[in-house]
N, C-alpha and C. Protein backbone atom coordinates (compact mmCIF):
# COMPACT_ATOMS: atom_id res chain seq x y z
N MET A 1 24.56 82.66 110.42
CA MET A 1 24.89 83.53 109.29
C MET A 1 24.37 84.94 109.52
N GLU A 2 23.11 85.03 110.03
CA GLU A 2 22.52 86.34 110.31
C GLU A 2 23.33 87.07 111.37
N CYS A 3 23.82 86.28 112.36
CA CYS A 3 24.63 86.89 113.43
C CYS A 3 25.92 87.47 112.85
N PHE A 4 26.54 86.71 111.92
CA PHE A 4 27.77 87.18 111.28
C PHE A 4 27.52 88.48 110.51
N LYS A 5 26.41 88.52 109.75
CA LYS A 5 26.09 89.71 108.97
C LYS A 5 25.87 90.92 109.88
N THR A 6 25.20 90.67 111.01
CA THR A 6 24.94 91.76 111.95
C THR A 6 26.25 92.30 112.53
N THR A 7 27.15 91.36 112.89
CA THR A 7 28.44 91.76 113.44
C THR A 7 29.26 92.53 112.41
N LEU A 8 29.27 92.03 111.17
CA LEU A 8 30.01 92.70 110.12
C LEU A 8 29.47 94.10 109.86
N ALA A 9 28.15 94.24 109.85
CA ALA A 9 27.54 95.55 109.65
C ALA A 9 27.93 96.50 110.78
N GLY A 10 28.00 95.96 111.99
CA GLY A 10 28.38 96.78 113.13
C GLY A 10 29.81 97.27 113.02
N VAL A 11 30.73 96.39 112.57
CA VAL A 11 32.12 96.76 112.39
C VAL A 11 32.27 97.85 111.34
N VAL A 12 31.55 97.69 110.21
CA VAL A 12 31.59 98.68 109.14
C VAL A 12 31.10 100.03 109.64
N LEU A 13 30.02 100.02 110.45
CA LEU A 13 29.47 101.26 110.99
C LEU A 13 30.48 101.95 111.89
N VAL A 14 31.16 101.19 112.73
CA VAL A 14 32.16 101.77 113.63
C VAL A 14 33.30 102.40 112.84
N VAL A 15 33.77 101.70 111.79
CA VAL A 15 34.85 102.23 110.96
C VAL A 15 34.44 103.54 110.30
N LEU A 16 33.22 103.58 109.78
CA LEU A 16 32.73 104.79 109.14
C LEU A 16 32.63 105.94 110.13
N LEU A 17 32.17 105.65 111.33
CA LEU A 17 32.07 106.69 112.35
C LEU A 17 33.44 107.21 112.75
N LEU A 18 34.42 106.28 112.86
CA LEU A 18 35.77 106.70 113.23
C LEU A 18 36.40 107.57 112.16
N GLN A 19 36.07 107.30 110.90
CA GLN A 19 36.61 108.11 109.81
C GLN A 19 36.09 109.54 109.87
N GLN A 20 34.90 109.71 110.43
CA GLN A 20 34.31 111.04 110.51
C GLN A 20 34.64 111.74 111.82
N ALA A 21 35.21 111.00 112.77
CA ALA A 21 35.46 111.56 114.10
C ALA A 21 36.65 112.50 114.07
N PRO A 22 36.70 113.49 114.98
CA PRO A 22 37.87 114.37 115.07
C PRO A 22 39.12 113.57 115.40
N VAL A 23 40.25 113.98 114.84
CA VAL A 23 41.52 113.30 115.07
C VAL A 23 42.36 114.14 116.02
N LEU A 24 42.92 113.49 117.03
CA LEU A 24 43.80 114.20 117.96
C LEU A 24 45.11 114.51 117.26
N ARG A 25 45.56 115.74 117.32
CA ARG A 25 46.77 116.17 116.61
C ARG A 25 47.71 116.89 117.58
N ALA A 26 49.00 116.81 117.24
CA ALA A 26 49.98 117.60 117.98
C ALA A 26 50.03 119.02 117.46
N ASN A 27 49.48 119.23 116.28
CA ASN A 27 49.42 120.58 115.71
C ASN A 27 48.21 120.67 114.81
N ASP A 28 47.86 121.86 114.39
CA ASP A 28 46.71 122.07 113.53
C ASP A 28 47.20 122.37 112.13
N PRO A 29 46.53 121.86 111.09
CA PRO A 29 47.02 122.09 109.73
C PRO A 29 46.91 123.53 109.28
N ASP A 30 46.14 124.34 109.96
CA ASP A 30 45.97 125.74 109.59
C ASP A 30 46.28 126.64 110.78
N PRO A 31 46.79 127.86 110.52
CA PRO A 31 47.04 128.80 111.61
C PRO A 31 45.76 129.10 112.38
N LEU A 32 45.89 129.26 113.67
CA LEU A 32 44.73 129.53 114.52
C LEU A 32 44.67 130.97 114.97
N GLN A 33 45.65 131.76 114.58
CA GLN A 33 45.65 133.18 114.93
C GLN A 33 46.47 133.92 113.88
N ASP A 34 46.42 135.23 113.88
CA ASP A 34 47.10 136.02 112.85
C ASP A 34 48.61 135.80 112.87
N PHE A 35 49.20 135.91 114.05
CA PHE A 35 50.65 135.86 114.17
C PHE A 35 51.04 134.89 115.28
N CYS A 36 52.08 134.12 115.03
CA CYS A 36 52.63 133.24 116.07
C CYS A 36 54.14 133.25 115.93
N VAL A 37 54.76 134.36 116.30
CA VAL A 37 56.21 134.50 116.19
C VAL A 37 56.87 133.54 117.17
N ALA A 38 57.77 132.71 116.66
CA ALA A 38 58.36 131.66 117.47
C ALA A 38 59.17 132.21 118.64
N ASP A 39 58.94 131.67 119.80
CA ASP A 39 59.75 131.97 120.97
C ASP A 39 60.83 130.91 121.04
N LEU A 40 61.97 131.19 120.43
CA LEU A 40 63.04 130.19 120.31
C LEU A 40 63.69 129.87 121.64
N ASP A 41 63.46 130.69 122.65
CA ASP A 41 64.09 130.47 123.95
C ASP A 41 63.17 129.77 124.94
N SER A 42 61.96 129.46 124.51
CA SER A 42 61.01 128.82 125.42
C SER A 42 61.43 127.39 125.76
N GLU A 43 61.15 126.98 126.99
CA GLU A 43 61.44 125.62 127.41
C GLU A 43 60.25 124.69 127.18
N VAL A 44 59.16 125.24 126.67
CA VAL A 44 57.98 124.42 126.38
C VAL A 44 58.26 123.60 125.12
N THR A 45 57.95 122.31 125.17
CA THR A 45 58.17 121.41 124.05
C THR A 45 56.86 121.11 123.35
N VAL A 46 56.78 121.51 122.07
CA VAL A 46 55.61 121.21 121.25
C VAL A 46 56.12 120.80 119.87
N ASN A 47 55.21 120.49 118.97
CA ASN A 47 55.59 120.14 117.60
C ASN A 47 55.82 121.43 116.82
N GLY A 48 56.95 122.07 117.08
CA GLY A 48 57.26 123.38 116.52
C GLY A 48 57.76 124.28 117.63
N TYR A 49 57.32 125.51 117.65
CA TYR A 49 57.71 126.46 118.69
C TYR A 49 56.46 127.15 119.24
N PRO A 50 56.44 127.44 120.54
CA PRO A 50 55.34 128.24 121.09
C PRO A 50 55.45 129.68 120.62
N CYS A 51 54.38 130.45 120.83
CA CYS A 51 54.34 131.83 120.34
C CYS A 51 54.81 132.81 121.41
N LYS A 52 55.44 133.87 120.96
CA LYS A 52 55.71 135.00 121.84
C LYS A 52 54.40 135.72 122.12
N PRO A 53 54.29 136.39 123.27
CA PRO A 53 53.12 137.25 123.48
C PRO A 53 53.06 138.29 122.37
N THR A 54 51.88 138.59 121.88
CA THR A 54 51.73 139.49 120.73
C THR A 54 52.45 140.83 120.91
N PRO A 55 52.36 141.49 122.08
CA PRO A 55 53.06 142.77 122.22
C PRO A 55 54.58 142.64 122.08
N ALA A 56 55.12 141.45 122.41
CA ALA A 56 56.56 141.25 122.36
C ALA A 56 57.03 140.82 120.97
N ALA A 57 56.09 140.51 120.08
CA ALA A 57 56.46 139.99 118.77
C ALA A 57 57.09 141.06 117.90
N GLY A 58 56.59 142.30 118.00
CA GLY A 58 57.09 143.37 117.15
C GLY A 58 56.66 143.18 115.72
N ASP A 59 56.97 144.15 114.86
CA ASP A 59 56.57 144.04 113.46
C ASP A 59 57.70 143.51 112.58
N GLU A 60 58.90 143.27 113.17
CA GLU A 60 60.03 142.83 112.36
C GLU A 60 59.84 141.42 111.84
N PHE A 61 58.89 140.68 112.42
CA PHE A 61 58.70 139.31 111.97
C PHE A 61 58.21 139.26 110.52
N LEU A 62 57.66 140.35 110.01
CA LEU A 62 57.16 140.37 108.64
C LEU A 62 58.26 140.59 107.61
N PHE A 63 59.41 141.04 108.05
CA PHE A 63 60.46 141.44 107.13
C PHE A 63 61.80 140.83 107.52
N SER A 64 62.62 140.55 106.52
CA SER A 64 63.96 140.04 106.78
C SER A 64 64.88 140.42 105.63
N SER A 65 66.11 140.78 105.96
CA SER A 65 67.12 141.08 104.94
C SER A 65 68.19 139.99 104.90
N ARG A 66 67.89 138.87 105.54
CA ARG A 66 68.88 137.79 105.70
C ARG A 66 69.37 137.25 104.35
N LEU A 67 68.50 137.21 103.34
CA LEU A 67 68.88 136.65 102.05
C LEU A 67 69.42 137.70 101.07
N ALA A 68 69.55 138.94 101.54
CA ALA A 68 70.00 140.01 100.65
C ALA A 68 71.45 139.82 100.20
N THR A 69 72.24 139.19 101.05
CA THR A 69 73.64 138.93 100.71
C THR A 69 73.95 137.45 100.94
N GLY A 70 74.83 136.92 100.14
CA GLY A 70 75.20 135.52 100.26
C GLY A 70 76.41 135.32 101.15
N GLY A 71 76.71 134.05 101.41
CA GLY A 71 77.85 133.71 102.23
C GLY A 71 79.09 133.43 101.40
N ASP A 72 80.15 133.03 102.06
CA ASP A 72 81.44 132.75 101.42
C ASP A 72 81.36 131.41 100.70
N VAL A 73 81.46 131.43 99.38
CA VAL A 73 81.32 130.19 98.60
C VAL A 73 82.54 129.29 98.73
N ASN A 74 83.60 129.81 99.31
CA ASN A 74 84.80 129.00 99.50
C ASN A 74 85.00 128.57 100.95
N ALA A 75 83.92 128.66 101.72
CA ALA A 75 84.02 128.35 103.14
C ALA A 75 84.05 126.85 103.42
N ASN A 76 83.69 126.04 102.43
CA ASN A 76 83.71 124.58 102.62
C ASN A 76 84.12 123.91 101.31
N PRO A 77 84.48 122.63 101.37
CA PRO A 77 84.97 121.94 100.16
C PRO A 77 83.95 121.83 99.04
N ASN A 78 82.66 122.04 99.33
CA ASN A 78 81.64 121.92 98.29
C ASN A 78 81.64 123.10 97.33
N GLY A 79 82.24 124.22 97.72
CA GLY A 79 82.22 125.40 96.87
C GLY A 79 80.86 126.05 96.82
N SER A 80 80.10 125.95 97.89
CA SER A 80 78.78 126.57 97.94
C SER A 80 78.51 127.03 99.36
N ASN A 81 77.53 127.91 99.49
CA ASN A 81 77.16 128.41 100.82
C ASN A 81 75.65 128.56 100.89
N VAL A 82 75.05 127.96 101.91
CA VAL A 82 73.60 128.01 102.09
C VAL A 82 73.26 129.01 103.19
N THR A 83 72.44 129.99 102.85
CA THR A 83 71.92 130.94 103.83
C THR A 83 70.47 130.54 104.11
N GLN A 84 70.22 130.05 105.31
CA GLN A 84 68.90 129.50 105.64
C GLN A 84 67.98 130.57 106.21
N LEU A 85 66.71 130.44 105.87
CA LEU A 85 65.70 131.34 106.40
C LEU A 85 64.49 130.51 106.82
N ASP A 86 64.77 129.52 107.67
CA ASP A 86 63.68 128.73 108.24
C ASP A 86 63.25 129.37 109.55
N VAL A 87 62.45 128.67 110.34
CA VAL A 87 61.89 129.29 111.54
C VAL A 87 62.98 129.71 112.53
N ALA A 88 64.10 128.99 112.52
CA ALA A 88 65.17 129.34 113.44
C ALA A 88 65.82 130.67 113.07
N GLY A 89 65.84 130.99 111.76
CA GLY A 89 66.43 132.24 111.31
C GLY A 89 65.42 133.35 111.10
N TRP A 90 64.15 132.99 111.06
CA TRP A 90 63.06 133.95 110.84
C TRP A 90 61.85 133.48 111.65
N PRO A 91 61.83 133.76 112.93
CA PRO A 91 60.77 133.23 113.80
C PRO A 91 59.36 133.60 113.37
N GLY A 92 59.23 134.61 112.52
CA GLY A 92 57.90 135.02 112.07
C GLY A 92 57.19 133.99 111.22
N VAL A 93 57.91 133.03 110.62
CA VAL A 93 57.25 132.03 109.79
C VAL A 93 56.69 130.87 110.61
N ASN A 94 56.85 130.94 111.92
CA ASN A 94 56.32 129.88 112.79
C ASN A 94 54.84 129.65 112.51
N THR A 95 54.47 128.40 112.28
CA THR A 95 53.10 127.91 112.01
C THR A 95 52.60 128.24 110.61
N LEU A 96 53.37 128.98 109.80
CA LEU A 96 52.88 129.42 108.49
C LEU A 96 53.17 128.41 107.38
N GLY A 97 54.06 127.46 107.64
CA GLY A 97 54.33 126.43 106.65
C GLY A 97 55.13 126.90 105.45
N VAL A 98 55.97 127.92 105.64
CA VAL A 98 56.82 128.42 104.54
C VAL A 98 58.21 128.74 105.08
N SER A 99 59.20 128.68 104.21
CA SER A 99 60.55 129.12 104.53
C SER A 99 61.33 129.24 103.22
N MET A 100 62.55 129.80 103.30
CA MET A 100 63.35 130.03 102.10
C MET A 100 64.82 129.80 102.41
N ASN A 101 65.57 129.51 101.37
CA ASN A 101 67.04 129.46 101.44
C ASN A 101 67.63 130.21 100.26
N ARG A 102 68.82 130.73 100.47
CA ARG A 102 69.63 131.25 99.37
C ARG A 102 70.89 130.41 99.30
N ILE A 103 71.26 130.00 98.09
CA ILE A 103 72.47 129.22 97.91
C ILE A 103 73.35 129.89 96.87
N ASP A 104 74.58 130.15 97.24
CA ASP A 104 75.56 130.74 96.34
C ASP A 104 76.62 129.71 96.00
N PHE A 105 77.07 129.71 94.74
CA PHE A 105 78.00 128.70 94.24
C PHE A 105 79.22 129.35 93.62
N ALA A 106 80.39 128.81 93.94
CA ALA A 106 81.59 129.15 93.19
C ALA A 106 81.54 128.39 91.86
N PRO A 107 82.32 128.80 90.85
CA PRO A 107 82.38 127.99 89.63
C PRO A 107 82.80 126.56 89.98
N GLY A 108 82.02 125.60 89.51
CA GLY A 108 82.29 124.21 89.85
C GLY A 108 81.79 123.80 91.23
N GLY A 109 81.13 124.70 91.93
CA GLY A 109 80.61 124.38 93.26
C GLY A 109 79.33 123.57 93.19
N THR A 110 79.05 122.85 94.26
CA THR A 110 77.86 122.00 94.28
C THR A 110 77.13 122.08 95.61
N ASN A 111 75.83 121.95 95.54
CA ASN A 111 75.00 121.68 96.72
C ASN A 111 74.77 120.18 96.67
N PRO A 112 75.54 119.39 97.43
CA PRO A 112 75.63 117.95 97.20
C PRO A 112 74.30 117.21 97.36
N PRO A 113 74.23 115.98 96.87
CA PRO A 113 72.98 115.21 96.96
C PRO A 113 72.40 115.24 98.37
N HIS A 114 71.12 115.62 98.45
CA HIS A 114 70.47 115.75 99.74
C HIS A 114 68.97 115.56 99.60
N VAL A 115 68.31 115.49 100.74
CA VAL A 115 66.86 115.26 100.81
C VAL A 115 66.27 116.23 101.82
N HIS A 116 65.10 116.77 101.53
CA HIS A 116 64.33 117.53 102.51
C HIS A 116 63.17 116.65 102.95
N PRO A 117 63.24 116.09 104.16
CA PRO A 117 62.23 115.11 104.57
C PRO A 117 60.86 115.69 104.84
N ARG A 118 60.77 117.02 105.03
CA ARG A 118 59.48 117.59 105.44
C ARG A 118 58.92 118.62 104.47
N ALA A 119 59.45 118.71 103.24
CA ALA A 119 58.96 119.79 102.38
C ALA A 119 59.23 119.53 100.90
N THR A 120 58.33 120.05 100.07
CA THR A 120 58.56 120.21 98.64
C THR A 120 59.31 121.52 98.44
N GLU A 121 60.13 121.57 97.42
CA GLU A 121 60.99 122.73 97.17
C GLU A 121 60.72 123.29 95.78
N VAL A 122 60.63 124.60 95.67
CA VAL A 122 60.58 125.25 94.36
C VAL A 122 61.64 126.34 94.36
N GLY A 123 62.41 126.41 93.26
CA GLY A 123 63.53 127.34 93.24
C GLY A 123 63.61 128.14 91.96
N ILE A 124 64.33 129.25 92.03
CA ILE A 124 64.59 130.08 90.86
C ILE A 124 66.07 130.45 90.86
N VAL A 125 66.69 130.33 89.71
CA VAL A 125 68.08 130.72 89.55
C VAL A 125 68.14 132.22 89.29
N LEU A 126 68.88 132.93 90.10
CA LEU A 126 68.99 134.38 89.97
C LEU A 126 70.13 134.79 89.04
N ARG A 127 71.20 134.04 89.05
CA ARG A 127 72.33 134.33 88.16
C ARG A 127 73.10 133.04 87.93
N GLY A 128 73.74 132.96 86.77
CA GLY A 128 74.55 131.80 86.46
C GLY A 128 73.77 130.65 85.85
N GLU A 129 74.40 129.49 85.82
CA GLU A 129 73.83 128.29 85.22
C GLU A 129 74.05 127.11 86.17
N LEU A 130 72.98 126.46 86.56
CA LEU A 130 73.07 125.35 87.49
C LEU A 130 72.50 124.08 86.87
N LEU A 131 73.26 123.00 86.97
CA LEU A 131 72.73 121.69 86.64
C LEU A 131 71.93 121.21 87.84
N VAL A 132 70.63 121.02 87.66
CA VAL A 132 69.76 120.54 88.72
C VAL A 132 69.41 119.09 88.44
N GLY A 133 69.72 118.23 89.39
CA GLY A 133 69.45 116.81 89.23
C GLY A 133 68.49 116.30 90.28
N ILE A 134 67.55 115.45 89.87
CA ILE A 134 66.55 114.87 90.76
C ILE A 134 66.54 113.36 90.53
N ILE A 135 66.58 112.59 91.61
CA ILE A 135 66.57 111.14 91.50
C ILE A 135 65.26 110.62 92.08
N GLY A 136 64.50 109.90 91.25
CA GLY A 136 63.24 109.34 91.70
C GLY A 136 63.45 108.19 92.67
N SER A 137 62.38 107.76 93.30
CA SER A 137 62.44 106.65 94.25
C SER A 137 62.57 105.32 93.51
N LEU A 138 62.66 104.25 94.27
CA LEU A 138 62.76 102.92 93.69
C LEU A 138 61.55 102.61 92.82
N ASP A 139 60.40 103.22 93.15
CA ASP A 139 59.19 103.01 92.35
C ASP A 139 59.38 103.43 90.90
N THR A 140 60.27 104.40 90.66
CA THR A 140 60.51 104.89 89.31
C THR A 140 61.74 104.23 88.68
N GLY A 141 62.30 103.25 89.40
CA GLY A 141 63.54 102.65 88.91
C GLY A 141 64.73 103.55 89.16
N ASN A 142 64.63 104.39 90.20
CA ASN A 142 65.70 105.35 90.52
C ASN A 142 66.04 106.24 89.33
N ARG A 143 65.01 106.65 88.61
CA ARG A 143 65.23 107.45 87.40
C ARG A 143 65.86 108.80 87.75
N TYR A 144 66.81 109.21 86.94
CA TYR A 144 67.53 110.46 87.13
C TYR A 144 67.04 111.50 86.13
N TYR A 145 66.58 112.63 86.64
CA TYR A 145 66.12 113.74 85.80
C TYR A 145 67.09 114.90 86.01
N SER A 146 67.45 115.59 84.92
CA SER A 146 68.37 116.71 85.08
C SER A 146 68.17 117.72 83.96
N ARG A 147 68.56 118.95 84.28
CA ARG A 147 68.50 120.02 83.29
C ARG A 147 69.39 121.16 83.76
N VAL A 148 70.01 121.86 82.82
CA VAL A 148 70.74 123.09 83.15
C VAL A 148 69.71 124.21 83.26
N VAL A 149 69.62 124.78 84.45
CA VAL A 149 68.65 125.85 84.73
C VAL A 149 69.39 127.17 84.77
N ARG A 150 68.93 128.13 83.97
CA ARG A 150 69.62 129.41 83.84
C ARG A 150 68.86 130.52 84.55
N ALA A 151 69.49 131.68 84.65
CA ALA A 151 68.92 132.82 85.36
C ALA A 151 67.50 133.10 84.87
N GLY A 152 66.59 133.20 85.83
CA GLY A 152 65.19 133.47 85.53
C GLY A 152 64.35 132.22 85.39
N GLU A 153 64.98 131.05 85.32
CA GLU A 153 64.25 129.80 85.18
C GLU A 153 64.04 129.14 86.54
N THR A 154 63.06 128.25 86.60
CA THR A 154 62.65 127.66 87.87
C THR A 154 62.69 126.14 87.81
N PHE A 155 62.59 125.54 88.99
CA PHE A 155 62.53 124.08 89.10
C PHE A 155 61.76 123.71 90.36
N VAL A 156 61.30 122.47 90.43
CA VAL A 156 60.58 122.00 91.61
C VAL A 156 61.11 120.62 91.99
N ILE A 157 61.26 120.41 93.30
CA ILE A 157 61.74 119.14 93.84
C ILE A 157 60.64 118.54 94.72
N PRO A 158 60.06 117.41 94.33
CA PRO A 158 59.04 116.79 95.18
C PRO A 158 59.61 116.41 96.54
N ARG A 159 58.77 116.46 97.52
CA ARG A 159 59.17 116.18 98.91
C ARG A 159 59.83 114.80 99.02
N GLY A 160 60.97 114.79 99.72
CA GLY A 160 61.63 113.54 100.05
C GLY A 160 62.50 112.95 98.97
N LEU A 161 62.58 113.56 97.78
CA LEU A 161 63.42 113.00 96.72
C LEU A 161 64.84 113.58 96.79
N MET A 162 65.81 112.72 96.52
CA MET A 162 67.19 113.16 96.50
C MET A 162 67.44 114.08 95.31
N HIS A 163 68.23 115.14 95.52
CA HIS A 163 68.51 116.08 94.45
C HIS A 163 69.81 116.82 94.73
N PHE A 164 70.28 117.56 93.74
CA PHE A 164 71.51 118.34 93.90
C PHE A 164 71.49 119.48 92.91
N GLN A 165 72.39 120.44 93.10
CA GLN A 165 72.64 121.51 92.14
C GLN A 165 74.16 121.63 91.96
N PHE A 166 74.57 121.91 90.72
CA PHE A 166 75.99 122.00 90.40
C PHE A 166 76.21 123.15 89.43
N ASN A 167 77.14 124.02 89.78
CA ASN A 167 77.41 125.19 88.94
C ASN A 167 78.25 124.79 87.73
N VAL A 168 77.61 124.79 86.57
CA VAL A 168 78.31 124.41 85.34
C VAL A 168 78.85 125.63 84.59
N GLY A 169 78.63 126.82 85.13
CA GLY A 169 79.10 128.04 84.47
C GLY A 169 80.52 128.42 84.88
N LYS A 170 81.01 129.48 84.29
CA LYS A 170 82.36 129.95 84.58
C LYS A 170 82.37 131.08 85.60
N THR A 171 81.19 131.48 86.07
CA THR A 171 81.09 132.54 87.07
C THR A 171 80.29 132.03 88.26
N GLU A 172 80.26 132.81 89.33
CA GLU A 172 79.46 132.42 90.48
C GLU A 172 77.97 132.37 90.11
N ALA A 173 77.23 131.53 90.81
CA ALA A 173 75.80 131.38 90.56
C ALA A 173 75.05 131.51 91.88
N THR A 174 73.78 131.92 91.78
CA THR A 174 72.95 132.10 92.96
C THR A 174 71.54 131.61 92.66
N MET A 175 70.94 130.94 93.61
CA MET A 175 69.53 130.57 93.49
C MET A 175 68.84 130.80 94.83
N VAL A 176 67.54 130.97 94.77
CA VAL A 176 66.70 131.08 95.97
C VAL A 176 65.63 129.99 95.87
N VAL A 177 65.43 129.28 96.96
CA VAL A 177 64.43 128.22 96.98
C VAL A 177 63.43 128.47 98.11
N SER A 178 62.21 128.02 97.89
CA SER A 178 61.15 128.14 98.90
C SER A 178 60.64 126.75 99.24
N PHE A 179 60.16 126.61 100.48
CA PHE A 179 59.66 125.33 100.97
C PHE A 179 58.25 125.52 101.55
N ASN A 180 57.46 124.46 101.50
CA ASN A 180 56.14 124.50 102.13
C ASN A 180 56.21 123.94 103.54
N SER A 181 57.23 124.37 104.27
CA SER A 181 57.41 124.00 105.67
C SER A 181 58.23 125.07 106.34
N GLN A 182 57.93 125.36 107.60
CA GLN A 182 58.74 126.31 108.35
C GLN A 182 60.08 125.71 108.73
N ASN A 183 60.18 124.39 108.68
CA ASN A 183 61.41 123.69 109.07
C ASN A 183 61.56 122.46 108.18
N PRO A 184 62.00 122.64 106.92
CA PRO A 184 62.02 121.54 105.96
C PRO A 184 62.99 120.42 106.30
N GLY A 185 64.03 120.75 107.05
CA GLY A 185 65.04 119.75 107.37
C GLY A 185 65.90 119.43 106.17
N ILE A 186 67.05 118.85 106.42
CA ILE A 186 67.94 118.46 105.32
C ILE A 186 68.77 117.26 105.73
N VAL A 187 68.92 116.32 104.80
CA VAL A 187 69.76 115.14 105.00
C VAL A 187 70.78 115.12 103.86
N PHE A 188 72.03 115.50 104.15
CA PHE A 188 73.09 115.43 103.14
C PHE A 188 73.55 113.98 103.05
N VAL A 189 73.40 113.39 101.89
CA VAL A 189 73.65 111.96 101.74
C VAL A 189 75.09 111.58 102.08
N PRO A 190 76.12 112.23 101.51
CA PRO A 190 77.50 111.83 101.85
C PRO A 190 77.80 112.00 103.34
N LEU A 191 77.36 113.13 103.90
CA LEU A 191 77.63 113.38 105.31
C LEU A 191 76.89 112.40 106.20
N THR A 192 75.67 112.04 105.82
CA THR A 192 74.89 111.09 106.60
C THR A 192 75.56 109.72 106.63
N LEU A 193 76.05 109.29 105.48
CA LEU A 193 76.66 107.96 105.40
C LEU A 193 78.03 107.90 106.06
N PHE A 194 78.84 108.93 105.87
CA PHE A 194 80.24 108.84 106.28
C PHE A 194 80.62 109.78 107.42
N GLY A 195 79.69 110.61 107.88
CA GLY A 195 80.00 111.53 108.97
C GLY A 195 79.00 111.48 110.09
N SER A 196 78.26 110.37 110.20
CA SER A 196 77.25 110.27 111.26
C SER A 196 77.92 110.21 112.62
N ASN A 197 77.16 110.52 113.65
CA ASN A 197 77.68 110.55 115.02
C ASN A 197 76.75 109.76 115.95
N PRO A 198 77.19 108.58 116.44
CA PRO A 198 78.46 107.90 116.16
C PRO A 198 78.48 107.33 114.74
N PRO A 199 79.65 106.91 114.27
CA PRO A 199 79.77 106.44 112.89
C PRO A 199 78.96 105.17 112.63
N ILE A 200 78.47 105.04 111.40
CA ILE A 200 77.87 103.78 110.97
C ILE A 200 78.99 102.74 110.93
N PRO A 201 78.77 101.54 111.47
CA PRO A 201 79.84 100.52 111.44
C PRO A 201 80.33 100.26 110.02
N THR A 202 81.64 100.19 109.88
CA THR A 202 82.24 99.99 108.55
C THR A 202 81.73 98.74 107.85
N PRO A 203 81.56 97.60 108.53
CA PRO A 203 81.05 96.41 107.83
C PRO A 203 79.67 96.63 107.20
N VAL A 204 78.86 97.47 107.82
CA VAL A 204 77.54 97.77 107.25
C VAL A 204 77.70 98.49 105.92
N LEU A 205 78.58 99.50 105.89
CA LEU A 205 78.79 100.26 104.66
C LEU A 205 79.52 99.43 103.61
N VAL A 206 80.43 98.57 104.03
CA VAL A 206 81.11 97.68 103.08
C VAL A 206 80.09 96.81 102.35
N LYS A 207 79.16 96.25 103.11
CA LYS A 207 78.14 95.39 102.51
C LYS A 207 77.18 96.18 101.64
N ALA A 208 76.76 97.35 102.13
CA ALA A 208 75.76 98.14 101.42
C ALA A 208 76.32 98.75 100.13
N LEU A 209 77.58 99.22 100.19
CA LEU A 209 78.17 99.92 99.05
C LEU A 209 78.99 99.00 98.15
N ARG A 210 79.24 97.77 98.64
CA ARG A 210 79.96 96.77 97.84
C ARG A 210 81.36 97.24 97.47
N VAL A 211 82.05 97.78 98.48
CA VAL A 211 83.43 98.22 98.30
C VAL A 211 84.27 97.68 99.44
N ASP A 212 85.57 97.84 99.35
CA ASP A 212 86.47 97.38 100.41
C ASP A 212 86.40 98.30 101.63
N ALA A 213 86.80 97.76 102.77
CA ALA A 213 86.79 98.53 104.01
C ALA A 213 87.70 99.75 103.90
N GLY A 214 88.79 99.63 103.16
CA GLY A 214 89.70 100.77 103.03
C GLY A 214 89.04 101.95 102.35
N VAL A 215 88.16 101.68 101.38
CA VAL A 215 87.46 102.75 100.69
C VAL A 215 86.51 103.45 101.66
N VAL A 216 85.81 102.66 102.46
CA VAL A 216 84.88 103.23 103.45
C VAL A 216 85.63 104.09 104.46
N GLU A 217 86.74 103.60 104.95
CA GLU A 217 87.51 104.36 105.93
C GLU A 217 88.04 105.65 105.33
N LEU A 218 88.45 105.60 104.07
CA LEU A 218 88.92 106.81 103.40
C LEU A 218 87.81 107.84 103.32
N LEU A 219 86.60 107.40 102.92
CA LEU A 219 85.48 108.33 102.81
C LEU A 219 85.09 108.88 104.18
N LYS A 220 85.13 108.06 105.19
CA LYS A 220 84.84 108.54 106.55
C LYS A 220 85.82 109.63 106.97
N SER A 221 87.07 109.47 106.58
CA SER A 221 88.08 110.46 106.97
C SER A 221 87.83 111.82 106.33
N LYS A 222 87.11 111.83 105.19
CA LYS A 222 86.82 113.08 104.51
C LYS A 222 85.71 113.87 105.20
N PHE A 223 84.93 113.21 106.07
CA PHE A 223 83.79 113.88 106.69
C PHE A 223 83.88 113.91 108.21
N THR A 224 85.05 113.69 108.75
CA THR A 224 85.20 113.73 110.20
C THR A 224 84.94 115.11 110.77
N GLY A 225 85.17 116.15 109.96
CA GLY A 225 84.95 117.51 110.43
C GLY A 225 83.54 118.01 110.17
N GLY A 226 82.67 117.12 109.65
CA GLY A 226 81.30 117.53 109.34
C GLY A 226 81.17 117.99 107.91
N TYR A 227 80.21 118.89 107.69
CA TYR A 227 79.87 119.36 106.34
C TYR A 227 81.06 120.04 105.67
């Protein structure tokens, strides 16, 4: 019995020591230098992007006019256009854990149900009226939260939850959203299910969605061209 107690105490001590020990990471949770402008052309593979040499970074990394104008809201069937300002579009945010998007909507346009796997989102409506919907996880019973958000009002989307925006007004609408990630990522639910490459086997979707194969094939045909 004494031997068992001694062994157990030793195991507990090792666990406690491991909890206090440094953890090997592919990246650091905090910036290690003032500026790390992403070198998007580098062949070095890391968890993110390597930095340009400081003299080559320039001062333009602090400023961007990319979100000053929106895109064509009729460029796709959704009736919306997303202007991204993540690390790929603004290399200056590399390692800073922030990025932004601008989304413009035609009347009746939507930013379809999607998920950001790597970031929480906070947004502000600049003009128009948007129905913002958020769907909780299975833990919440898939609860659906929604509200019409008007110009000057804000909303927040917890990381990883499915959500959408829909223009319920009679004029074009615009919102700007910010993320706590330089590369928040996006998973469009309809496109993921019906436009994956290669396609998800139809029998899988038939079973999962509880519909006929013809319905699945029809939906797949709507997303063969992508977004």
